[in-house]
C-alpha atoms as a PDB file:
ATOM      1  CA  MET A   1      22.242  15.403  -3.372  1.00  0.00           C
ATOM      2  CA  PRO A   2      20.489  17.993  -1.331  1.00  0.00           C
ATOM      3  CA  ALA A   3      18.588  16.904   1.465  1.00  0.00           C
ATOM      4  CA  ASP A   4      15.538  18.400   0.402  1.00  0.00           C
ATOM      5  CA  HIS A   5      15.226  16.306  -2.869  1.00  0.00           C
ATOM      6  CA  LEU A   6      12.795  13.074  -3.098  1.00  0.00           C
ATOM      7  CA  ALA A   7      15.723  10.654  -2.884  1.00  0.00           C
ATOM      8  CA  SER A   8      17.387  11.996  -0.051  1.00  0.00           C
ATOM      9  CA  LEU A   9      13.933  12.483   1.750  1.00  0.00           C
ATOM     10  CA  LEU A  10      13.250   8.840   1.304  1.00  0.00           C
ATOM     11  CA  ALA A  11      16.336   7.618   2.535  1.00  0.00           C
ATOM     12  CA  ALA A  12      16.365   9.549   5.825  1.00  0.00           C
ATOM     13  CA  ALA A  13      12.836   9.098   6.411  1.00  0.00           C
ATOM     14  CA  THR A  14      13.731   5.179   6.003  1.00  0.00           C
ATOM     15  CA  GLN A  15      16.236   5.219   8.540  1.00  0.00           C
ATOM     16  CA  ARG A  16      14.108   7.104  11.070  1.00  0.00           C
ATOM     17  CA  LEU A  17      11.247   4.644  10.866  1.00  0.00           C
ATOM     18  CA  LYS A  18      13.661   1.556  11.011  1.00  0.00           C
ATOM     19  CA  ALA A  19      14.969   2.928  14.244  1.00  0.00           C
ATOM     20  CA  ALA A  20      11.430   3.762  15.537  1.00  0.00           C
ATOM     21  CA  GLY A  21      10.984  -0.048  15.111  1.00  0.00           C
ATOM     22  CA  SER A  22       8.735  -0.024  11.928  1.00  0.00           C
ATOM     23  CA  ASP A  23       8.598  -3.480  10.189  1.00  0.00           C
ATOM     24  CA  THR A  24       8.397  -1.831   6.667  1.00  0.00           C
ATOM     25  CA  PRO A  25      10.396   1.381   6.860  1.00  0.00           C
ATOM     26  CA  THR A  26      10.832   1.637   3.245  1.00  0.00           C
ATOM     27  CA  LEU A  27       7.242   1.027   2.203  1.00  0.00           C
ATOM     28  CA  ASP A  28       5.993   3.542   4.946  1.00  0.00           C
ATOM     29  CA  ALA A  29       8.212   6.090   4.001  1.00  0.00           C
ATOM     30  CA  ARG A  30       7.708   5.867   0.373  1.00  0.00           C
ATOM     31  CA  LEU A  31       3.694   6.221   0.876  1.00  0.00           C
ATOM     32  CA  LEU A  32       3.948   9.141   3.299  1.00  0.00           C
ATOM     33  CA  LEU A  33       6.438  10.809   0.866  1.00  0.00           C
ATOM     34  CA  GLN A  34       3.850  10.097  -2.094  1.00  0.00           C
ATOM     35  CA  ALA A  35       0.811  11.518  -0.136  1.00  0.00           C
ATOM     36  CA  ALA A  36       2.575  14.548   1.337  1.00  0.00           C
ATOM     37  CA  ALA A  37       3.992  15.609  -1.995  1.00  0.00           C
ATOM     38  CA  GLY A  38       0.872  14.445  -4.121  1.00  0.00           C
ATOM     39  CA  LEU A  39       3.318  12.328  -6.573  1.00  0.00           C
ATOM     40  CA  THR A  40       3.022   8.749  -7.645  1.00  0.00           C
ATOM     41  CA  ARG A  41       5.368   5.883  -7.338  1.00  0.00           C
ATOM     42  CA  GLU A  42       6.649   6.345 -10.953  1.00  0.00           C
ATOM     43  CA  ASP A  43       7.367  10.210 -10.062  1.00  0.00           C
ATOM     44  CA  LEU A  44       9.831   8.980  -7.110  1.00  0.00           C
ATOM     45  CA  ILE A  45      11.597   6.571  -9.642  1.00  0.00           C
ATOM     46  CA  LEU A  46      11.719   9.022 -12.313  1.00  0.00           C
ATOM     47  CA  GLY A  47      12.363  12.280 -10.537  1.00  0.00           C
ATOM     48  CA  PRO A  48      14.716  11.315  -7.500  1.00  0.00           C
ATOM     49  CA  ASP A  49      16.253  14.859  -7.660  1.00  0.00           C
ATOM     50  CA  ARG A  50      13.024  16.739  -7.614  1.00  0.00           C
ATOM     51  CA  PRO A  51      12.820  19.245  -4.307  1.00  0.00           C
ATOM     52  CA  LEU A  52       9.887  19.651  -2.422  1.00  0.00           C
ATOM     53  CA  SER A  53       8.131  23.054  -1.611  1.00  0.00           C
ATOM     54  CA  PRO A  54       8.458  24.177   1.915  1.00  0.00           C
ATOM     55  CA  GLU A  55       4.659  23.242   2.755  1.00  0.00           C
ATOM     56  CA  GLN A  56       5.204  19.766   1.245  1.00  0.00           C
ATOM     57  CA  LEU A  57       8.192  19.207   3.585  1.00  0.00           C
ATOM     58  CA  ALA A  58       6.371  20.200   6.424  1.00  0.00           C
ATOM     59  CA  THR A  59       3.684  18.008   5.946  1.00  0.00           C
ATOM     60  CA  PHE A  60       6.180  15.056   5.152  1.00  0.00           C
ATOM     61  CA  GLU A  61       7.883  15.845   8.188  1.00  0.00           C
ATOM     62  CA  SER A  62       4.571  15.794  10.238  1.00  0.00           C
ATOM     63  CA  PHE A  63       3.669  12.426   8.949  1.00  0.00           C
ATOM     64  CA  VAL A  64       7.118  10.768   9.495  1.00  0.00           C
ATOM     65  CA  ALA A  65       6.812  11.879  13.003  1.00  0.00           C
ATOM     66  CA  ARG A  66       3.400  10.771  13.748  1.00  0.00           C
ATOM     67  CA  ARG A  67       4.689   7.288  12.232  1.00  0.00           C
ATOM     68  CA  GLU A  68       7.574   6.964  14.640  1.00  0.00           C
ATOM     69  CA  ARG A  69       5.245   7.515  17.384  1.00  0.00           C
ATOM     70  CA  HIS A  70       3.539   4.288  16.151  1.00  0.00           C
ATOM     71  CA  GLU A  71       0.679   5.537  14.400  1.00  0.00           C
ATOM     72  CA  PRO A  72      -0.206   3.287  11.420  1.00  0.00           C
ATOM     73  CA  VAL A  73       0.114   4.586   7.744  1.00  0.00           C
ATOM     74  CA  SER A  74      -3.545   3.980   7.031  1.00  0.00           C
ATOM     75  CA  ARG A  75      -4.458   6.152   9.995  1.00  0.00           C
ATOM     76  CA  ILE A  76      -2.291   8.776   9.009  1.00  0.00           C
ATOM     77  CA  LEU A  77      -3.465   9.153   5.507  1.00  0.00           C
ATOM     78  CA  GLY A  78      -7.010   8.200   6.336  1.00  0.00           C
ATOM     79  CA  ARG A  79      -7.602   5.548   3.942  1.00  0.00           C
ATOM     80  CA  ARG A  80      -6.611   1.681   3.724  1.00  0.00           C
ATOM     81  CA  GLU A  81      -6.813  -0.292   0.578  1.00  0.00           C
ATOM     82  CA  PHE A  82      -8.545  -3.525   0.798  1.00  0.00           C
ATOM     83  CA  TYR A  83      -9.413  -5.757  -1.787  1.00  0.00           C
ATOM     84  CA  GLY A  84      -8.651  -3.880  -4.321  1.00  0.00           C
ATOM     85  CA  ARG A  85     -10.737  -0.905  -2.951  1.00  0.00           C
ATOM     86  CA  VAL A  86      -9.961   2.186  -1.070  1.00  0.00           C
ATOM     87  CA  PHE A  87     -11.744   2.637   2.438  1.00  0.00           C
ATOM     88  CA  THR A  88     -11.755   5.806   4.656  1.00  0.00           C
ATOM     89  CA  VAL A  89     -10.646   4.827   7.994  1.00  0.00           C
ATOM     90  CA  THR A  90     -11.066   7.097  11.285  1.00  0.00           C
ATOM     91  CA  PRO A  91     -10.228   6.717  14.536  1.00  0.00           C
ATOM     92  CA  ALA A  92     -13.836   5.171  15.377  1.00  0.00           C
ATOM     93  CA  THR A  93     -13.190   2.311  12.949  1.00  0.00           C
ATOM     94  CA  LEU A  94     -10.750  -0.757  13.065  1.00  0.00           C
ATOM     95  CA  ASP A  95      -8.357  -0.440  10.341  1.00  0.00           C
ATOM     96  CA  PRO A  96      -9.117  -3.233   7.947  1.00  0.00           C
ATOM     97  CA  ARG A  97      -6.110  -5.590   7.434  1.00  0.00           C
ATOM     98  CA  PRO A  98      -5.220  -7.891   4.476  1.00  0.00           C
ATOM     99  CA  ASP A  99      -5.857 -10.946   6.485  1.00  0.00           C
ATOM    100  CA  THR A 100      -9.631  -9.966   6.535  1.00  0.00           C
ATOM    101  CA  GLU A 101      -9.474 -10.518   2.863  1.00  0.00           C
ATOM    102  CA  THR A 102      -9.870 -14.354   3.943  1.00  0.00           C
ATOM    103  CA  ILE A 103     -13.570 -13.808   4.755  1.00  0.00           C
ATOM    104  CA  ILE A 104     -14.174 -12.297   1.663  1.00  0.00           C
ATOM    105  CA  GLU A 105     -12.801 -15.209  -0.690  1.00  0.00           C
ATOM    106  CA  ALA A 106     -14.252 -17.645   1.785  1.00  0.00           C
ATOM    107  CA  ALA A 107     -17.764 -15.744   1.291  1.00  0.00           C
ATOM    108  CA  LEU A 108     -17.564 -15.384  -2.432  1.00  0.00           C
ATOM    109  CA  LYS A 109     -17.136 -19.306  -2.815  1.00  0.00           C
ATOM    110  CA  VAL A 110     -20.635 -20.018  -1.113  1.00  0.00           C
ATOM    111  CA  MET A 111     -22.799 -16.941  -1.481  1.00  0.00           C
ATOM    112  CA  PRO A 112     -25.492 -16.884  -4.400  1.00  0.00           C
ATOM    113  CA  LYS A 113     -25.381 -14.112  -6.857  1.00  0.00           C
ATOM    114  CA  ALA A 114     -28.501 -12.408  -5.439  1.00  0.00           C
ATOM    115  CA  ALA A 115     -27.724 -12.817  -1.830  1.00  0.00           C
ATOM    116  CA  ARG A 116     -28.968 -11.099   1.138  1.00  0.00           C
ATOM    117  CA  LEU A 117     -26.113 -10.595   3.436  1.00  0.00           C
ATOM    118  CA  LEU A 118     -25.915  -9.655   6.893  1.00  0.00           C
ATOM    119  CA  ASP A 119     -22.474  -7.989   8.637  1.00  0.00           C
ATOM    120  CA  LEU A 120     -22.350  -7.935  12.380  1.00  0.00           C
ATOM    121  CA  GLY A 121     -19.990  -5.315  13.417  1.00  0.00           C
ATOM    122  CA  THR A 122     -19.311  -3.591  10.485  1.00  0.00           C
ATOM    123  CA  GLY A 123     -16.668  -0.720  11.137  1.00  0.00           C
ATOM    124  CA  THR A 124     -15.667   0.702   7.839  1.00  0.00           C
ATOM    125  CA  GLY A 125     -18.170  -1.587   6.062  1.00  0.00           C
ATOM    126  CA  ALA A 126     -14.913  -3.045   4.365  1.00  0.00           C
ATOM    127  CA  ILE A 127     -16.593  -6.775   4.385  1.00  0.00           C
ATOM    128  CA  ALA A 128     -20.241  -5.614   3.328  1.00  0.00           C
ATOM    129  CA  ILE A 129     -19.306  -3.177   0.544  1.00  0.00           C
ATOM    130  CA  THR A 130     -16.657  -5.548  -0.914  1.00  0.00           C
ATOM    131  CA  LEU A 131     -18.994  -8.338  -1.341  1.00  0.00           C
ATOM    132  CA  LEU A 132     -21.644  -6.220  -2.739  1.00  0.00           C
ATOM    133  CA  ALA A 133     -19.412  -4.722  -5.118  1.00  0.00           C
ATOM    134  CA  GLU A 134     -18.262  -7.802  -6.192  1.00  0.00           C
ATOM    135  CA  ARG A 135     -21.859  -9.395  -6.380  1.00  0.00           C
ATOM    136  CA  PRO A 136     -23.805  -6.446  -8.027  1.00  0.00           C
ATOM    137  CA  GLY A 137     -27.171  -8.818  -7.501  1.00  0.00           C
ATOM    138  CA  ALA A 138     -26.708  -8.990  -3.633  1.00  0.00           C
ATOM    139  CA  THR A 139     -28.299  -6.947  -0.950  1.00  0.00           C
ATOM    140  CA  GLY A 140     -27.141  -6.448   2.564  1.00  0.00           C
ATOM    141  CA  THR A 141     -27.733  -5.106   6.027  1.00  0.00           C
ATOM    142  CA  ALA A 142     -24.679  -3.985   8.208  1.00  0.00           C
ATOM    143  CA  THR A 143     -24.594  -3.339  11.941  1.00  0.00           C
ATOM    144  CA  ASP A 144     -22.286  -1.609  14.305  1.00  0.00           C
ATOM    145  CA  LEU A 145     -22.614  -0.171  18.104  1.00  0.00           C
ATOM    146  CA  SER A 146     -20.695   2.839  17.223  1.00  0.00           C
ATOM    147  CA  PRO A 147     -22.854   5.776  15.174  1.00  0.00           C
ATOM    148  CA  ASP A 148     -19.286   7.367  14.115  1.00  0.00           C
ATOM    149  CA  ALA A 149     -18.420   3.905  12.547  1.00  0.00           C
ATOM    150  CA  LEU A 150     -21.655   3.812  10.821  1.00  0.00           C
ATOM    151  CA  ALA A 151     -21.058   7.301   9.342  1.00  0.00           C
ATOM    152  CA  VAL A 152     -17.770   5.835   8.073  1.00  0.00           C
ATOM    153  CA  ALA A 153     -19.087   3.063   6.652  1.00  0.00           C
ATOM    154  CA  ARG A 154     -22.076   5.025   5.195  1.00  0.00           C
ATOM    155  CA  GLU A 155     -19.422   7.275   3.356  1.00  0.00           C
ATOM    156  CA  ASN A 156     -17.567   4.416   2.132  1.00  0.00           C
ATOM    157  CA  ALA A 157     -20.896   2.646   0.764  1.00  0.00           C
ATOM    158  CA  ALA A 158     -21.672   6.058  -0.961  1.00  0.00           C
ATOM    159  CA  ARG A 159     -18.341   6.292  -3.185  1.00  0.00           C
ATOM    160  CA  LEU A 160     -17.994   2.899  -3.820  1.00  0.00           C
ATOM    161  CA  GLY A 161     -21.309   2.657  -5.381  1.00  0.00           C
ATOM    162  CA  VAL A 162     -23.368   0.126  -3.200  1.00  0.00           C
ATOM    163  CA  ALA A 163     -25.404   2.582  -1.058  1.00  0.00           C
ATOM    164  CA  ASP A 164     -28.582   1.707  -2.367  1.00  0.00           C
ATOM    165  CA  ARG A 165     -28.162  -2.204  -1.767  1.00  0.00           C
ATOM    166  CA  LEU A 166     -26.803  -1.422   1.820  1.00  0.00           C
ATOM    167  CA  SER A 167     -28.846  -0.882   4.832  1.00  0.00           C
ATOM    168  CA  LEU A 168     -27.051   0.274   7.689  1.00  0.00           C
ATOM    169  CA  VAL A 169     -28.406  -0.060  11.358  1.00  0.00           C
ATOM    170  CA  GLU A 170     -27.084   1.081  14.758  1.00  0.00           C
ATOM    171  CA  GLY A 171     -27.305  -1.489  17.587  1.00  0.00           C
ATOM    172  CA  SER A 172     -25.488  -4.178  19.119  1.00  0.00           C
ATOM    173  CA  TRP A 173     -25.193  -7.546  17.061  1.00  0.00           C
ATOM    174  CA  PHE A 174     -28.672  -8.925  16.287  1.00  0.00           C
ATOM    175  CA  ALA A 175     -30.461  -6.465  18.125  1.00  0.00           C
ATOM    176  CA  PRO A 176     -31.441  -3.785  15.404  1.00  0.00           C
ATOM    177  CA  VAL A 177     -31.929  -6.604  13.059  1.00  0.00           C
ATOM    178  CA  SER A 178     -34.786  -7.704  10.815  1.00  0.00           C
ATOM    179  CA  GLY A 179     -35.509 -10.226   8.031  1.00  0.00           C
ATOM    180  CA  VAL A 180     -33.665 -13.477   7.068  1.00  0.00           C
ATOM    181  CA  PHE A 181     -30.062 -13.698   5.280  1.00  0.00           C
ATOM    182  CA  ASP A 182     -28.451 -16.131   3.047  1.00  0.00           C
ATOM    183  CA  ILE A 183     -25.028 -15.364   4.586  1.00  0.00           C
ATOM    184  CA  ILE A 184     -24.005 -13.827   8.225  1.00  0.00           C
ATOM    185  CA  LEU A 185     -20.727 -12.648   8.274  1.00  0.00           C
ATOM    186  CA  SER A 186     -18.608 -11.115  11.101  1.00  0.00           C
ATOM    187  CA  ASN A 187     -15.159  -9.877  11.876  1.00  0.00           C
ATOM    188  CA  PRO A 188     -15.782  -9.612  15.738  1.00  0.00           C
ATOM    189  CA  PRO A 189     -13.257  -7.988  18.832  1.00  0.00           C
ATOM    190  CA  TYR A 190     -11.464 -11.311  19.650  1.00  0.00           C
ATOM    191  CA  ILE A 191      -8.797 -10.441  21.792  1.00  0.00           C
ATOM    192  CA  PRO A 192      -8.940 -11.379  25.440  1.00  0.00           C
ATOM    193  CA  ALA A 193      -9.147  -8.116  27.424  1.00  0.00           C
ATOM    194  CA  GLY A 194      -6.166  -8.947  29.695  1.00  0.00           C
ATOM    195  CA  GLU A 195      -3.834  -8.954  26.630  1.00  0.00           C
ATOM    196  CA  ILE A 196      -4.571  -5.597  25.107  1.00  0.00           C
ATOM    197  CA  ALA A 197      -1.978  -3.980  26.924  1.00  0.00           C
ATOM    198  CA  GLY A 198       0.562  -6.314  25.334  1.00  0.00           C
ATOM    199  CA  LEU A 199      -0.602  -5.641  21.684  1.00  0.00           C
ATOM    200  CA  SER A 200       1.743  -3.836  19.225  1.00  0.00           C
ATOM    201  CA  PRO A 201       1.587   0.147  20.254  1.00  0.00           C
ATOM    202  CA  ASP A 202       0.341   0.284  16.381  1.00  0.00           C
ATOM    203  CA  VAL A 203      -3.026  -1.524  17.589  1.00  0.00           C
ATOM    204  CA  ARG A 204      -3.063  -0.796  21.084  1.00  0.00           C
ATOM    205  CA  ASN A 205      -3.015   2.857  20.710  1.00  0.00           C
ATOM    206  CA  PHE A 206      -5.008   3.325  17.221  1.00  0.00           C
ATOM    207  CA  ASP A 207      -7.532   0.836  16.851  1.00  0.00           C
ATOM    208  CA  PRO A 208     -10.875   1.430  19.066  1.00  0.00           C
ATOM    209  CA  GLY A 209     -11.042  -0.820  21.891  1.00  0.00           C
ATOM    210  CA  LEU A 210     -14.534  -1.573  21.311  1.00  0.00           C
ATOM    211  CA  ALA A 211     -13.229  -3.130  18.090  1.00  0.00           C
ATOM    212  CA  LEU A 212     -10.748  -5.346  20.191  1.00  0.00           C
ATOM    213  CA  SER A 213     -11.832  -6.633  23.201  1.00  0.00           C
ATOM    214  CA  GLY A 214     -13.696  -9.662  23.145  1.00  0.00           C
ATOM    215  CA  GLY A 215     -14.203 -10.133  26.918  1.00  0.00           C
ATOM    216  CA  THR A 216     -12.304 -11.960  29.186  1.00  0.00           C
ATOM    217  CA  ASP A 217     -11.345 -14.939  27.085  1.00  0.00           C
ATOM    218  CA  GLY A 218     -12.043 -13.279  23.741  1.00  0.00           C
ATOM    219  CA  LEU A 219     -14.696 -15.562  22.799  1.00  0.00           C
ATOM    220  CA  ASP A 220     -17.893 -13.654  24.066  1.00  0.00           C
ATOM    221  CA  PRO A 221     -18.742 -12.545  20.640  1.00  0.00           C
ATOM    222  CA  TYR A 222     -18.994 -15.860  19.435  1.00  0.00           C
ATOM    223  CA  ARG A 223     -21.467 -17.034  22.030  1.00  0.00           C
ATOM    224  CA  ILE A 224     -23.662 -14.119  21.266  1.00  0.00           C
ATOM    225  CA  ILE A 225     -23.600 -14.768  17.239  1.00  0.00           C
ATOM    226  CA  ALA A 226     -23.815 -18.332  17.821  1.00  0.00           C
ATOM    227  CA  SER A 227     -26.742 -18.080  20.197  1.00  0.00           C
ATOM    228  CA  GLY A 228     -28.726 -15.664  17.794  1.00  0.00           C
ATOM    229  CA  ALA A 229     -27.698 -16.455  14.389  1.00  0.00           C
ATOM    230  CA  ALA A 230     -30.322 -19.448  13.877  1.00  0.00           C
ATOM    231  CA  ALA A 231     -33.132 -17.116  13.867  1.00  0.00           C
ATOM    232  CA  TYR A 232     -31.570 -14.809  11.011  1.00  0.00           C
ATOM    233  CA  LEU A 233     -29.981 -17.579   8.943  1.00  0.00           C
ATOM    234  CA  ALA A 234     -32.117 -18.712   5.875  1.00  0.00           C
ATOM    235  CA  ALA A 235     -32.206 -22.659   5.454  1.00  0.00           C
ATOM    236  CA  GLY A 236     -29.052 -23.648   3.736  1.00  0.00           C
ATOM    237  CA  GLY A 237     -27.332 -20.898   4.517  1.00  0.00           C
ATOM    238  CA  HIS A 238     -23.681 -19.991   5.454  1.00  0.00           C
ATOM    239  CA  LEU A 239     -22.046 -18.439   8.183  1.00  0.00           C
ATOM    240  CA  LEU A 240     -18.645 -16.764   8.284  1.00  0.00           C
ATOM    241  CA  VAL A 241     -16.329 -15.289  11.056  1.00  0.00           C
ATOM    242  CA  GLU A 242     -12.737 -14.159  11.409  1.00  0.00           C
ATOM    243  CA  ILE A 243     -10.745 -15.577  14.446  1.00  0.00           C
ATOM    244  CA  GLY A 244      -7.697 -15.054  16.157  1.00  0.00           C
ATOM    245  CA  ALA A 245      -4.746 -17.587  16.968  1.00  0.00           C
ATOM    246  CA  GLY A 246      -5.574 -20.760  18.776  1.00  0.00           C
ATOM    247  CA  GLN A 247      -9.309 -20.008  18.923  1.00  0.00           C
ATOM    248  CA  VAL A 248     -10.256 -22.684  16.152  1.00  0.00           C
ATOM    249  CA  PRO A 249     -11.454 -25.781  19.155  1.00  0.00           C
ATOM    250  CA  ASP A 250     -13.235 -23.250  21.196  1.00  0.00           C
ATOM    251  CA  VAL A 251     -15.264 -21.183  18.562  1.00  0.00           C
ATOM    252  CA  GLU A 252     -15.810 -24.426  16.620  1.00  0.00           C
ATOM    253  CA  ALA A 253     -17.382 -25.952  19.935  1.00  0.00           C
ATOM    254  CA  ILE A 254     -19.167 -22.668  20.644  1.00  0.00           C
ATOM    255  CA  PHE A 255     -21.369 -22.954  17.382  1.00  0.00           C
ATOM    256  CA  ASP A 256     -21.451 -26.947  17.616  1.00  0.00           C
ATOM    257  CA  ALA A 257     -23.186 -26.385  20.857  1.00  0.00           C
ATOM    258  CA  GLN A 258     -26.039 -24.341  19.175  1.00  0.00           C
ATOM    259  CA  GLY A 259     -26.481 -26.794  16.457  1.00  0.00           C
ATOM    260  CA  PHE A 260     -24.171 -25.664  13.447  1.00  0.00           C
ATOM    261  CA  ALA A 261     -22.156 -27.968  11.585  1.00  0.00           C
ATOM    262  CA  ALA A 262     -18.754 -26.865  10.520  1.00  0.00           C
ATOM    263  CA  GLY A 263     -18.351 -25.609   7.267  1.00  0.00           C
ATOM    264  CA  GLY A 264     -14.409 -24.919   6.492  1.00  0.00           C
ATOM    265  CA  ARG A 265     -11.426 -23.745   7.685  1.00  0.00           C
ATOM    266  CA  HIS A 266     -10.092 -20.940   5.601  1.00  0.00           C
ATOM    267  CA  ARG A 267      -6.280 -19.793   5.805  1.00  0.00           C
ATOM    268  CA  ASP A 268      -4.838 -16.145   5.283  1.00  0.00           C
ATOM    269  CA  LEU A 269      -1.964 -15.595   3.391  1.00  0.00           C
ATOM    270  CA  GLY A 270       0.335 -16.456   6.330  1.00  0.00           C
ATOM    271  CA  GLY A 271      -1.262 -20.291   6.464  1.00  0.00           C
ATOM    272  CA  HIS A 272      -3.023 -19.151   9.662  1.00  0.00           C
ATOM    273  CA  ILE A 273      -6.709 -20.434  10.027  1.00  0.00           C
ATOM    274  CA  ARG A 274      -8.011 -16.834  10.000  1.00  0.00           C
ATOM    275  CA  CYS A 275     -11.747 -17.446   9.070  1.00  0.00           C
ATOM    276  CA  LEU A 276     -14.492 -20.522  10.238  1.00  0.00           C
ATOM    277  CA  GLY A 277     -17.249 -21.166   8.349  1.00  0.00           C
ATOM    278  CA  PHE A 278     -20.479 -22.913   9.793  1.00  0.00           C
ATOM    279  CA  ASN A 279     -23.756 -24.225   8.128  1.00  0.00           C
ATOM    280  CA  ARG A 280     -27.442 -24.224   9.682  1.00  0.00           C
ATOM    281  CA  VAL A 281     -28.287 -27.596  10.268  1.00  0.00           C
ATOM    282  CA  GLN A 282     -31.454 -28.691   8.779  1.00  0.00           C
ATOM    283  CA  LYS A 283     -33.962 -30.099  11.403  1.00  0.00           C
END
């Protein structure tokens, strides 16, 4: 089969990406080929001998070269699917991972239909927007320190139909927030600063540092959230945070010291505790 036909291109790209160290070379190659050629997966299956135009070939080659340099597919394409919806991602935002869907599942179990939610450090808006889309009677506020990230969240909220129920505010943690909420959520930076250099280049070179570093021990954001949340959490409300590997005892201790009761440990698809819940203790 000629080298410019779909099947040949897919096979060659898969080998290149495997050699470059991709964990999912076949999937990566297929997604990049579909995007470069404007095709569906079914098109690839039904027409493996279809050739690409010179323009499509050039685009595909550029995509594969970028992936060889460890740029994630989601960043090459500028989008990421999260909980069944497509979110725009840019260099200003953390790339939402499937593991973060754990916090969505946990929240949907406890939040009322007309919940008032607060998402701290929203990035693409994936958490807040998803929960508002799943709960049409809910309203929310989402914060971020980055105006560029908020612009992405605003675009995603508008495209996914929840902009009228989501207030996006710029500032650090609780600083720009007013009001009381039924549920507070956050996927904060939780990587110890000294470990960032050792992360996969897919993460280290492409996720914004502001969204990765949790301070010297990775726990600074949890201290801030735990110390400020009581003023914004309604009686009987819930608080959910994503955590990193091995952080369960430390994060639980931080919230316990601020008077919060443990409200559940939630595991991701890999079986790791990815999300911790806390409840406001009634006085």
